Protein backbone atom coordinates (compact mmCIF):
# COMPACT_ATOMS: atom_id res chain seq x y z
CA MET A 1 -3.22 -14.06 41.66
CA THR A 2 -6.62 -12.46 41.21
CA ASN A 3 -8.23 -11.10 38.03
CA ASN A 4 -9.14 -7.47 38.42
CA SER A 5 -12.04 -7.81 36.04
CA ASP A 6 -13.66 -10.30 38.49
CA THR A 7 -13.66 -7.79 41.37
CA GLN A 8 -15.36 -4.96 39.42
CA THR A 9 -19.03 -4.53 39.63
CA PRO A 10 -21.01 -4.38 36.32
CA SER A 11 -21.55 -0.64 36.76
CA THR A 12 -17.89 0.05 36.93
CA GLN A 13 -17.26 -2.16 33.92
CA LEU A 14 -19.69 -0.11 31.92
CA GLN A 15 -18.05 3.12 32.83
CA GLN A 16 -14.65 2.20 31.47
CA PRO A 17 -13.87 4.37 28.43
CA TYR A 18 -13.58 2.86 25.03
CA PRO A 19 -10.46 3.64 22.88
CA ALA A 20 -10.95 6.81 20.94
CA PRO A 21 -11.47 6.28 17.18
CA ALA A 22 -8.37 6.81 15.06
CA GLY A 23 -9.68 9.81 13.14
CA ARG A 24 -7.20 12.33 11.74
CA ALA A 25 -4.05 10.53 12.75
CA ALA A 26 -5.01 7.45 10.73
CA VAL A 27 -6.00 9.51 7.74
CA ALA A 28 -2.72 11.35 7.88
CA LEU A 29 -0.76 8.10 8.20
CA LEU A 30 -2.61 6.63 5.22
CA LEU A 31 -1.90 9.65 3.09
CA LEU A 32 1.73 9.52 4.02
CA LEU A 33 1.91 5.88 3.11
CA ILE A 34 0.24 6.58 -0.28
CA LEU A 35 2.68 9.37 -0.92
CA LEU A 36 5.69 7.11 -0.02
CA PHE A 37 4.32 4.42 -2.32
CA VAL A 38 3.89 6.91 -5.19
CA LEU A 39 7.44 8.21 -4.76
CA VAL A 40 8.95 4.78 -4.57
CA VAL A 41 7.04 3.76 -7.73
CA PHE A 42 8.35 6.96 -9.38
CA VAL A 43 11.94 6.30 -8.43
CA ILE A 44 11.83 2.68 -9.72
CA GLY A 45 10.19 3.80 -12.97
CA ALA A 46 12.83 6.49 -13.47
CA GLY A 47 15.47 3.92 -12.91
CA LEU A 48 13.92 1.60 -15.46
CA LEU A 49 13.49 4.41 -17.93
CA TYR A 50 17.17 5.25 -17.58
CA VAL A 51 18.26 1.61 -18.07
CA THR A 52 16.09 1.34 -21.17
CA ILE A 53 17.44 4.46 -22.70
CA ALA A 54 21.12 3.58 -21.86
CA HIS A 55 20.76 -0.04 -23.07
CA PRO A 56 17.98 -0.34 -25.74
CA SER A 57 18.53 -3.99 -26.02
CA LEU A 58 16.90 -4.36 -22.51
CA ALA A 59 13.68 -2.68 -23.60
CA THR A 60 11.80 -5.92 -24.37
CA PRO A 61 12.78 -7.81 -21.16
CA LEU A 62 12.07 -4.71 -19.07
CA THR A 63 8.67 -4.34 -20.69
CA VAL A 64 7.79 -7.96 -19.90
CA ALA A 65 8.96 -7.54 -16.31
CA VAL A 66 7.02 -4.28 -15.85
CA ALA A 67 3.92 -5.93 -17.32
CA GLY A 68 4.32 -8.78 -14.84
CA VAL A 69 4.69 -6.52 -11.86
CA THR A 70 1.74 -4.41 -12.98
CA LEU A 71 -0.35 -7.57 -13.15
CA VAL A 72 0.65 -8.60 -9.60
CA VAL A 73 0.08 -5.11 -8.21
CA THR A 74 -3.38 -5.00 -9.91
CA ILE A 75 -4.36 -8.35 -8.50
CA VAL A 76 -3.25 -7.29 -4.98
CA GLY A 77 -5.20 -4.00 -5.33
CA VAL A 78 -8.32 -5.88 -6.24
CA ILE A 79 -7.98 -8.24 -3.35
CA ALA A 80 -7.30 -5.33 -0.92
CA ALA A 81 -10.37 -3.45 -2.24
CA PHE A 82 -12.51 -6.62 -1.82
CA PHE A 83 -11.49 -7.04 1.83
CA ALA A 84 -12.02 -3.33 2.48
CA ILE A 85 -15.60 -3.50 1.16
CA SER A 86 -16.31 -6.74 2.96
CA ARG A 87 -15.18 -5.37 6.36
CA ARG A 88 -17.99 -2.76 6.45
């Protein structure tokens, strides 16, 4: 088998188009993912609020659990922001 890139001249290799930048589609996808994340967090928060109101004895364990999840999400956010800044 032959490799097609070996048979091309340097001038035809330079004329090959580069992939188009993502642009609007990537921004729209990112916005939809952010919206989905916010909605999921809202639904989970509403569920935890309902459980806390229905069963007041669970307020303390739920508070500790939510604080732990908040800490993990914050750490992940900081790491993601660091990688986003360092890629530029």
